[in-house]
PDB file of N, CA and C in Angstrom:
ATOM      1  N   MET A   1       0.495  -1.131  -0.256  1.00  0.00           N
ATOM      2  CA  MET A   1       0.045  -0.030  -0.119  1.00  0.00           C
ATOM      3  C   MET A   1       1.002   1.023  -0.104  1.00  0.00           C
ATOM      4  N   LYS A   2       0.616   2.323  -0.758  1.00  0.00           N
ATOM      5  CA  LYS A   2       0.964   3.468  -0.804  1.00  0.00           C
ATOM      6  C   LYS A   2       0.716   4.380   0.996  1.00  0.00           C
ATOM      7  N   LYS A   3       1.929   4.815   1.053  1.00  0.00           N
ATOM      8  CA  LYS A   3       2.213   6.031   2.298  1.00  0.00           C
ATOM      9  C   LYS A   3       2.039   7.032   2.007  1.00  0.00           C
ATOM     10  N   TYR A   4       1.839   8.148   3.257  1.00  0.00           N
ATOM     11  CA  TYR A   4       1.553   9.376   2.621  1.00  0.00           C
ATOM     12  C   TYR A   4       1.649   9.799   4.407  1.00  0.00           C
ATOM     13  N   LYS A   5       2.146  11.233   4.108  1.00  0.00           N
ATOM     14  CA  LYS A   5       2.556  12.447   5.619  1.00  0.00           C
ATOM     15  C   LYS A   5       2.048  13.470   5.077  1.00  0.00           C
ATOM     16  N   TYR A   6       1.078  13.546   6.725  1.00  0.00           N
ATOM     17  CA  TYR A   6       0.123  14.774   6.387  1.00  0.00           C
ATOM     18  C   TYR A   6       0.745  15.156   7.884  1.00  0.00           C
ATOM     19  N   ASN A   7       0.799  16.652   8.327  1.00  0.00           N
ATOM     20  CA  ASN A   7       0.857  17.089   9.431  1.00  0.00           C
ATOM     21  C   ASN A   7       1.873  16.349  10.497  1.00  0.00           C
ATOM     22  N   ASP A   8       3.262  15.974   9.841  1.00  0.00           N
ATOM     23  CA  ASP A   8       4.412  14.924  10.195  1.00  0.00           C
ATOM     24  C   ASP A   8       3.784  13.885  10.702  1.00  0.00           C
ATOM     25  N   ILE A   9       2.540  13.409  10.233  1.00  0.00           N
ATOM     26  CA  ILE A   9       2.255  12.203  10.729  1.00  0.00           C
ATOM     27  C   ILE A   9       2.386  11.033   9.419  1.00  0.00           C
ATOM     28  N   GLU A  10       2.688   9.495   9.369  1.00  0.00           N
ATOM     29  CA  GLU A  10       2.730   8.961   8.196  1.00  0.00           C
ATOM     30  C   GLU A  10       1.513   8.009   7.919  1.00  0.00           C
ATOM     31  N   TYR A  11       0.737   8.243   7.506  1.00  0.00           N
ATOM     32  CA  TYR A  11      -0.210   7.199   7.009  1.00  0.00           C
ATOM     33  C   TYR A  11      -0.572   6.148   5.560  1.00  0.00           C
ATOM     34  N   GLU A  12      -0.927   5.116   5.627  1.00  0.00           N
ATOM     35  CA  GLU A  12      -1.370   4.245   5.115  1.00  0.00           C
ATOM     36  C   GLU A  12      -2.634   3.985   4.079  1.00  0.00           C
ATOM     37  N   LEU A  13      -2.585   4.353   3.124  1.00  0.00           N
ATOM     38  CA  LEU A  13      -4.182   4.261   2.269  1.00  0.00           C
ATOM     39  C   LEU A  13      -4.111   2.808   2.248  1.00  0.00           C
ATOM     40  N   ILE A  14      -5.280   2.026   2.893  1.00  0.00           N
ATOM     41  CA  ILE A  14      -5.600   0.758   2.938  1.00  0.00           C
ATOM     42  C   ILE A  14      -6.756   0.486   2.590  1.00  0.00           C
ATOM     43  N   LYS A  15      -7.651   1.531   2.023  1.00  0.00           N
ATOM     44  CA  LYS A  15      -8.453   1.462   0.952  1.00  0.00           C
ATOM     45  C   LYS A  15      -8.766   2.399   0.173  1.00  0.00           C
ATOM     46  N   ASP A  16      -8.995   2.093  -1.019  1.00  0.00           N
ATOM     47  CA  ASP A  16      -9.428   3.204  -2.046  1.00  0.00           C
ATOM     48  C   ASP A  16     -10.616   2.517  -2.967  1.00  0.00           C
ATOM     49  N   TYR A  17     -11.835   3.047  -2.403  1.00  0.00           N
ATOM     50  CA  TYR A  17     -12.992   2.611  -3.047  1.00  0.00           C
ATOM     51  C   TYR A  17     -13.211   3.275  -4.533  1.00  0.00           C
ATOM     52  N   LYS A  18     -13.491   2.900  -5.682  1.00  0.00           N
ATOM     53  CA  LYS A  18     -13.400   3.996  -6.930  1.00  0.00           C
ATOM     54  C   LYS A  18     -12.786   5.079  -7.032  1.00  0.00           C
ATOM     55  N   ASN A  19     -11.732   4.803  -7.047  1.00  0.00           N
ATOM     56  CA  ASN A  19     -10.427   6.438  -6.712  1.00  0.00           C
ATOM     57  C   ASN A  19     -11.042   7.362  -5.808  1.00  0.00           C
ATOM     58  N   GLY A  20     -11.433   6.962  -4.859  1.00  0.00           N
ATOM     59  CA  GLY A  20     -11.823   7.868  -4.104  1.00  0.00           C
ATOM     60  C   GLY A  20     -10.927   8.746  -3.507  1.00  0.00           C
ATOM     61  N   PHE A  21      -9.261   8.364  -3.900  1.00  0.00           N
ATOM     62  CA  PHE A  21      -8.620   9.061  -2.868  1.00  0.00           C
ATOM     63  C   PHE A  21      -7.811  10.131  -3.715  1.00  0.00           C
ATOM     64  N   GLU A  22      -7.732  10.987  -3.575  1.00  0.00           N
ATOM     65  CA  GLU A  22      -7.574  12.583  -4.181  1.00  0.00           C
ATOM     66  C   GLU A  22      -5.968  12.988  -3.514  1.00  0.00           C
ATOM     67  N   GLU A  23      -5.289  12.417  -3.394  1.00  0.00           N
ATOM     68  CA  GLU A  23      -4.005  13.296  -2.623  1.00  0.00           C
ATOM     69  C   GLU A  23      -4.124  15.225  -2.425  1.00  0.00           C
ATOM     70  N   ASP A  24      -4.169  15.497  -3.433  1.00  0.00           N
ATOM     71  CA  ASP A  24      -4.647  17.320  -3.552  1.00  0.00           C
ATOM     72  C   ASP A  24      -5.573  17.593  -2.528  1.00  0.00           C
ATOM     73  N   GLU A  25      -6.746  16.928  -2.491  1.00  0.00           N
ATOM     74  CA  GLU A  25      -8.260  17.385  -1.573  1.00  0.00           C
ATOM     75  C   GLU A  25      -7.160  16.663  -0.329  1.00  0.00           C
ATOM     76  N   VAL A  26      -7.132  15.581   0.061  1.00  0.00           N
ATOM     77  CA  VAL A  26      -6.716  15.628   1.470  1.00  0.00           C
ATOM     78  C   VAL A  26      -5.812  16.331   1.875  1.00  0.00           C
ATOM     79  N   ARG A  27      -4.711  16.834   1.047  1.00  0.00           N
ATOM     80  CA  ARG A  27      -3.806  17.400   1.675  1.00  0.00           C
ATOM     81  C   ARG A  27      -4.338  18.985   2.301  1.00  0.00           C
ATOM     82  N   GLU A  28      -5.369  19.625   1.429  1.00  0.00           N
ATOM     83  CA  GLU A  28      -5.931  20.812   1.866  1.00  0.00           C
ATOM     84  C   GLU A  28      -6.873  20.249   3.000  1.00  0.00           C
ATOM     85  N   LYS A  29      -7.200  19.566   3.245  1.00  0.00           N
ATOM     86  CA  LYS A  29      -8.450  19.464   4.010  1.00  0.00           C
ATOM     87  C   LYS A  29      -8.167  18.587   5.695  1.00  0.00           C
ATOM     88  N   LEU A  30      -7.108  18.182   5.232  1.00  0.00           N
ATOM     89  CA  LEU A  30      -6.884  17.051   6.634  1.00  0.00           C
ATOM     90  C   LEU A  30      -6.016  18.142   7.498  1.00  0.00           C
ATOM     91  N   THR A  31      -6.373  18.393   8.592  1.00  0.00           N
ATOM     92  CA  THR A  31      -5.700  19.812   9.460  1.00  0.00           C
ATOM     93  C   THR A  31      -5.521  18.621  10.673  1.00  0.00           C
ATOM     94  N   ASP A  32      -5.084  19.219  12.071  1.00  0.00           N
ATOM     95  CA  ASP A  32      -4.267  18.929  12.624  1.00  0.00           C
ATOM     96  C   ASP A  32      -5.504  18.129  14.347  1.00  0.00           C
ATOM     97  N   PHE A  33      -6.569  18.651  13.454  1.00  0.00           N
ATOM     98  CA  PHE A  33      -7.784  17.815  14.252  1.00  0.00           C
ATOM     99  C   PHE A  33      -8.099  16.723  14.630  1.00  0.00           C
ATOM    100  N   PHE A  34      -7.467  15.987  13.120  1.00  0.00           N
ATOM    101  CA  PHE A  34      -7.370  14.463  12.714  1.00  0.00           C
ATOM    102  C   PHE A  34      -6.106  14.085  13.577  1.00  0.00           C
ATOM    103  N   ILE A  35      -5.880  14.536  14.000  1.00  0.00           N
ATOM    104  CA  ILE A  35      -4.299  13.913  15.017  1.00  0.00           C
ATOM    105  C   ILE A  35      -4.464  13.154  15.159  1.00  0.00           C
ATOM    106  N   GLU A  36      -5.830  13.080  16.649  1.00  0.00           N
ATOM    107  CA  GLU A  36      -6.319  12.065  17.366  1.00  0.00           C
ATOM    108  C   GLU A  36      -6.710  10.663  17.144  1.00  0.00           C
ATOM    109  N   TYR A  37      -6.945  10.588  15.549  1.00  0.00           N
ATOM    110  CA  TYR A  37      -7.803   9.312  15.366  1.00  0.00           C
ATOM    111  C   TYR A  37      -6.509   8.591  14.468  1.00  0.00           C
ATOM    112  N   ASP A  38      -6.829   7.246  14.522  1.00  0.00           N
ATOM    113  CA  ASP A  38      -6.008   6.109  14.202  1.00  0.00           C
ATOM    114  C   ASP A  38      -6.303   6.257  12.639  1.00  0.00           C
ATOM    115  N   TYR A  39      -7.323   6.567  12.072  1.00  0.00           N
ATOM    116  CA  TYR A  39      -7.981   6.183  10.825  1.00  0.00           C
ATOM    117  C   TYR A  39      -8.541   7.171  10.475  1.00  0.00           C
ATOM    118  N   ILE A  40      -8.854   7.542   9.046  1.00  0.00           N
ATOM    119  CA  ILE A  40      -9.313   8.530   8.646  1.00  0.00           C
ATOM    120  C   ILE A  40     -10.067   8.124   7.241  1.00  0.00           C
ATOM    121  N   LEU A  41     -11.466   8.287   7.289  1.00  0.00           N
ATOM    122  CA  LEU A  41     -12.495   7.938   6.310  1.00  0.00           C
ATOM    123  C   LEU A  41     -12.833   9.482   5.304  1.00  0.00           C
ATOM    124  N   GLY A  42     -12.092   9.160   4.360  1.00  0.00           N
ATOM    125  CA  GLY A  42     -12.638  10.342   2.910  1.00  0.00           C
ATOM    126  C   GLY A  42     -13.572  10.052   2.276  1.00  0.00           C
ATOM    127  N   ASP A  43     -14.846  10.459   2.127  1.00  0.00           N
ATOM    128  CA  ASP A  43     -16.092   9.832   1.363  1.00  0.00           C
ATOM    129  C   ASP A  43     -16.708  11.447   0.306  1.00  0.00           C
ATOM    130  N   TRP A  44     -16.872  10.879  -0.456  1.00  0.00           N
ATOM    131  CA  TRP A  44     -17.661  12.471  -1.736  1.00  0.00           C
ATOM    132  C   TRP A  44     -18.989  12.203  -1.686  1.00  0.00           C
ATOM    133  N   SER A  45     -19.403  13.486  -1.850  1.00  0.00           N
ATOM    134  CA  SER A  45     -20.902  13.572  -1.571  1.00  0.00           C
ATOM    135  C   SER A  45     -20.764  15.101  -2.297  1.00  0.00           C
ATOM    136  N   TYR A  46     -21.925  15.184  -3.274  1.00  0.00           N
ATOM    137  CA  TYR A  46     -21.978  16.441  -4.250  1.00  0.00           C
ATOM    138  C   TYR A  46     -20.585  16.638  -4.714  1.00  0.00           C
ATOM    139  N   GLY A  47     -19.383  16.141  -4.821  1.00  0.00           N
ATOM    140  CA  GLY A  47     -18.141  16.829  -5.683  1.00  0.00           C
ATOM    141  C   GLY A  47     -17.445  17.131  -4.204  1.00  0.00           C
ATOM    142  N   LYS A  48     -17.793  17.008  -3.340  1.00  0.00           N
ATOM    143  CA  LYS A  48     -16.956  17.277  -2.066  1.00  0.00           C
ATOM    144  C   LYS A  48     -16.421  16.082  -1.094  1.00  0.00           C
ATOM    145  N   LEU A  49     -15.237  16.338  -0.919  1.00  0.00           N
ATOM    146  CA  LEU A  49     -14.771  15.605   0.427  1.00  0.00           C
ATOM    147  C   LEU A  49     -14.935  15.707   1.461  1.00  0.00           C
ATOM    148  N   ARG A  50     -15.395  15.062   2.530  1.00  0.00           N
ATOM    149  CA  ARG A  50     -15.633  15.146   3.687  1.00  0.00           C
ATOM    150  C   ARG A  50     -14.905  13.878   4.424  1.00  0.00           C
ATOM    151  N   LEU A  51     -14.245  14.360   5.580  1.00  0.00           N
ATOM    152  CA  LEU A  51     -13.645  13.400   6.679  1.00  0.00           C
ATOM    153  C   LEU A  51     -14.170  13.297   7.859  1.00  0.00           C
ATOM    154  N   LYS A  52     -13.979  11.987   8.040  1.00  0.00           N
ATOM    155  CA  LYS A  52     -14.111  11.392   9.576  1.00  0.00           C
ATOM    156  C   LYS A  52     -13.257  11.019  10.268  1.00  0.00           C
ATOM    157  N   GLY A  53     -13.061  10.689  11.361  1.00  0.00           N
ATOM    158  CA  GLY A  53     -11.874  10.568  12.152  1.00  0.00           C
ATOM    159  C   GLY A  53     -12.541   8.764  13.008  1.00  0.00           C
ATOM    160  N   PHE A  54     -11.820   8.056  12.870  1.00  0.00           N
ATOM    161  CA  PHE A  54     -11.859   6.646  13.860  1.00  0.00           C
ATOM    162  C   PHE A  54     -11.038   6.176  14.484  1.00  0.00           C
ATOM    163  N   ASN A  55     -11.448   5.300  15.558  1.00  0.00           N
ATOM    164  CA  ASN A  55     -10.053   4.609  16.113  1.00  0.00           C
ATOM    165  C   ASN A  55     -10.228   3.313  16.776  1.00  0.00           C
ATOM    166  N   ASP A  56      -9.333   2.721  17.290  1.00  0.00           N
ATOM    167  CA  ASP A  56      -9.438   1.526  17.134  1.00  0.00           C
ATOM    168  C   ASP A  56      -9.788   1.390  18.846  1.00  0.00           C
ATOM    169  N   LYS A  57      -9.862   0.273  19.777  1.00  0.00           N
ATOM    170  CA  LYS A  57     -10.418   0.218  21.087  1.00  0.00           C
ATOM    171  C   LYS A  57      -9.466   0.491  21.908  1.00  0.00           C
ATOM    172  N   LYS A  58      -7.745   0.626  21.513  1.00  0.00           N
ATOM    173  CA  LYS A  58      -6.348   0.592  22.426  1.00  0.00           C
ATOM    174  C   LYS A  58      -6.698   2.580  22.428  1.00  0.00           C
ATOM    175  N   ASN A  59      -6.736   3.430  21.701  1.00  0.00           N
ATOM    176  CA  ASN A  59      -6.844   4.481  21.563  1.00  0.00           C
ATOM    177  C   ASN A  59      -7.897   5.037  23.074  1.00  0.00           C
ATOM    178  N   LYS A  60      -6.707   5.988  23.406  1.00  0.00           N
ATOM    179  CA  LYS A  60      -7.419   6.179  24.680  1.00  0.00           C
ATOM    180  C   LYS A  60      -8.211   7.789  24.350  1.00  0.00           C
ATOM    181  N   ASN A  61      -8.411   7.768  23.102  1.00  0.00           N
ATOM    182  CA  ASN A  61      -9.648   8.856  22.670  1.00  0.00           C
ATOM    183  C   ASN A  61     -10.808   8.080  22.175  1.00  0.00           C
ATOM    184  N   PHE A  62     -10.927   6.763  22.251  1.00  0.00           N
ATOM    185  CA  PHE A  62     -11.938   5.827  21.638  1.00  0.00           C
ATOM    186  C   PHE A  62     -13.106   6.363  22.030  1.00  0.00           C
ATOM    187  N   LYS A  63     -14.067   6.488  21.256  1.00  0.00           N
ATOM    188  CA  LYS A  63     -15.823   6.923  21.476  1.00  0.00           C
ATOM    189  C   LYS A  63     -16.199   5.721  20.718  1.00  0.00           C
ATOM    190  N   GLU A  64     -17.447   5.125  21.067  1.00  0.00           N
ATOM    191  CA  GLU A  64     -18.367   3.809  20.254  1.00  0.00           C
ATOM    192  C   GLU A  64     -18.010   4.655  19.280  1.00  0.00           C
ATOM    193  N   ILE A  65     -18.702   5.934  19.035  1.00  0.00           N
ATOM    194  CA  ILE A  65     -19.044   6.662  17.562  1.00  0.00           C
ATOM    195  C   ILE A  65     -18.023   6.587  16.286  1.00  0.00           C
ATOM    196  N   ASN A  66     -16.943   6.432  17.114  1.00  0.00           N
ATOM    197  CA  ASN A  66     -16.068   6.344  15.968  1.00  0.00           C
ATOM    198  C   ASN A  66     -14.961   5.309  16.020  1.00  0.00           C
ATOM    199  N   ASP A  67     -15.962   4.181  16.256  1.00  0.00           N
ATOM    200  CA  ASP A  67     -14.991   3.024  16.184  1.00  0.00           C
ATOM    201  C   ASP A  67     -14.539   2.240  15.133  1.00  0.00           C
ATOM    202  N   ILE A  68     -13.577   2.074  14.631  1.00  0.00           N
ATOM    203  CA  ILE A  68     -12.754   1.512  13.372  1.00  0.00           C
ATOM    204  C   ILE A  68     -13.819   0.350  12.944  1.00  0.00           C
ATOM    205  N   ASP A  69     -14.387  -0.350  13.559  1.00  0.00           N
ATOM    206  CA  ASP A  69     -15.004  -1.992  13.563  1.00  0.00           C
ATOM    207  C   ASP A  69     -16.406  -1.657  13.036  1.00  0.00           C
ATOM    208  N   LYS A  70     -16.897  -0.650  12.826  1.00  0.00           N
ATOM    209  CA  LYS A  70     -18.511   0.003  12.764  1.00  0.00           C
ATOM    210  C   LYS A  70     -18.172   1.094  11.255  1.00  0.00           C
ATOM    211  N   VAL A  71     -17.075   1.356  10.988  1.00  0.00           N
ATOM    212  CA  VAL A  71     -16.593   2.073   9.542  1.00  0.00           C
ATOM    213  C   VAL A  71     -17.568   1.163   8.759  1.00  0.00           C
ATOM    214  N   ASP A  72     -18.113   0.494   8.293  1.00  0.00           N
ATOM    215  CA  ASP A  72     -18.742  -0.189   7.112  1.00  0.00           C
ATOM    216  C   ASP A  72     -20.178   0.188   7.640  1.00  0.00           C
ATOM    217  N   GLU A  73     -20.538   0.169   8.876  1.00  0.00           N
ATOM    218  CA  GLU A  73     -21.601   0.253   8.833  1.00  0.00           C
ATOM    219  C   GLU A  73     -22.371   2.160   8.822  1.00  0.00           C
ATOM    220  N   TYR A  74     -20.848   2.528   9.133  1.00  0.00           N
ATOM    221  CA  TYR A  74     -20.885   4.214   9.080  1.00  0.00           C
ATOM    222  C   TYR A  74     -20.992   4.313   7.638  1.00  0.00           C
ATOM    223  N   ILE A  75     -20.289   3.335   6.355  1.00  0.00           N
ATOM    224  CA  ILE A  75     -20.371   4.157   4.890  1.00  0.00           C
ATOM    225  C   ILE A  75     -22.029   3.925   4.658  1.00  0.00           C
ATOM    226  N   LYS A  76     -22.590   3.004   5.045  1.00  0.00           N
ATOM    227  CA  LYS A  76     -23.870   2.463   4.508  1.00  0.00           C
ATOM    228  C   LYS A  76     -24.898   3.557   4.801  1.00  0.00           C
ATOM    229  N   ASN A  77     -24.934   4.170   6.455  1.00  0.00           N
ATOM    230  CA  ASN A  77     -25.733   4.750   6.824  1.00  0.00           C
ATOM    231  C   ASN A  77     -25.548   6.095   6.774  1.00  0.00           C
ATOM    232  N   HIS A  78     -24.313   6.826   6.271  1.00  0.00           N
ATOM    233  CA  HIS A  78     -24.056   8.139   6.494  1.00  0.00           C
ATOM    234  C   HIS A  78     -23.442   8.514   5.309  1.00  0.00           C
ATOM    235  N   CYS A  79     -23.245   7.706   4.203  1.00  0.00           N
ATOM    236  CA  CYS A  79     -22.009   8.054   2.910  1.00  0.00           C
ATOM    237  C   CYS A  79     -23.283   8.374   1.725  1.00  0.00           C
ATOM    238  N   ALA A  80     -23.168   8.542   0.855  1.00  0.00           N
ATOM    239  CA  ALA A  80     -24.044   8.345  -0.525  1.00  0.00           C
ATOM    240  C   ALA A  80     -23.713   7.012  -0.478  1.00  0.00           C
ATOM    241  N   TYR A  81     -25.043   6.165  -1.498  1.00  0.00           N
ATOM    242  CA  TYR A  81     -25.350   5.256  -1.717  1.00  0.00           C
ATOM    243  C   TYR A  81     -23.858   4.675  -3.192  1.00  0.00           C
ATOM    244  N   GLU A  82     -23.046   3.745  -2.982  1.00  0.00           N
ATOM    245  CA  GLU A  82     -21.765   3.998  -4.061  1.00  0.00           C
ATOM    246  C   GLU A  82     -20.989   4.935  -3.969  1.00  0.00           C
ATOM    247  N   CYS A  83     -20.632   6.100  -2.925  1.00  0.00           N
ATOM    248  CA  CYS A  83     -19.662   7.276  -3.607  1.00  0.00           C
ATOM    249  C   CYS A  83     -18.424   6.886  -3.163  1.00  0.00           C
ATOM    250  N   ARG A  84     -17.622   6.967  -3.419  1.00  0.00           N
ATOM    251  CA  ARG A  84     -16.263   7.040  -3.660  1.00  0.00           C
ATOM    252  C   ARG A  84     -15.688   6.886  -2.429  1.00  0.00           C
ATOM    253  N   TYR A  85     -15.063   6.576  -1.676  1.00  0.00           N
ATOM    254  CA  TYR A  85     -14.433   7.118  -0.452  1.00  0.00           C
ATOM    255  C   TYR A  85     -12.790   6.016  -0.461  1.00  0.00           C
ATOM    256  N   PHE A  86     -12.348   6.543   0.590  1.00  0.00           N
ATOM    257  CA  PHE A  86     -11.202   6.289   0.968  1.00  0.00           C
ATOM    258  C   PHE A  86     -10.914   6.040   2.791  1.00  0.00           C
ATOM    259  N   ILE A  87      -9.497   4.989   3.118  1.00  0.00           N
ATOM    260  CA  ILE A  87      -9.484   4.839   4.406  1.00  0.00           C
ATOM    261  C   ILE A  87      -7.963   5.139   4.179  1.00  0.00           C
ATOM    262  N   LEU A  88      -7.261   6.258   5.242  1.00  0.00           N
ATOM    263  CA  LEU A  88      -5.942   5.608   5.590  1.00  0.00           C
ATOM    264  C   LEU A  88      -5.724   5.861   6.975  1.00  0.00           C
ATOM    265  N   LYS A  89      -4.680   4.660   7.427  1.00  0.00           N
ATOM    266  CA  LYS A  89      -4.897   4.200   8.823  1.00  0.00           C
ATOM    267  C   LYS A  89      -3.163   4.809   9.082  1.00  0.00           C
ATOM    268  N   LYS A  90      -2.871   5.574  10.277  1.00  0.00           N
ATOM    269  CA  LYS A  90      -1.816   6.279  10.874  1.00  0.00           C
ATOM    270  C   LYS A  90      -1.187   5.176  11.029  1.00  0.00           C
ATOM    271  N   ILE A  91       0.396   5.341  10.771  1.00  0.00           N
ATOM    272  CA  ILE A  91       1.008   4.160  10.908  1.00  0.00           C
ATOM    273  C   ILE A  91       1.992   4.691  12.294  1.00  0.00           C
TER     274      ILE A  91
END
């Protein structure tokens, strides 16, 4: 998998559904707000990239709403049907 660096943190692109990952857009939107998250989901809605942070249970900032084990459920319930999306994992 490809690796990228944002805000001095290295990420690995672990999923790129329908070529949803666009590096320039991610670089522009991924602020230090997302530093505490282990995973970043990016999905496209109406031509705009939306980002959401997720954690695994070992993270001290873990909350049920951001459980990476429920990312598929989140995509199904909160993203446009069959939208392009990607998942970055903090290394």
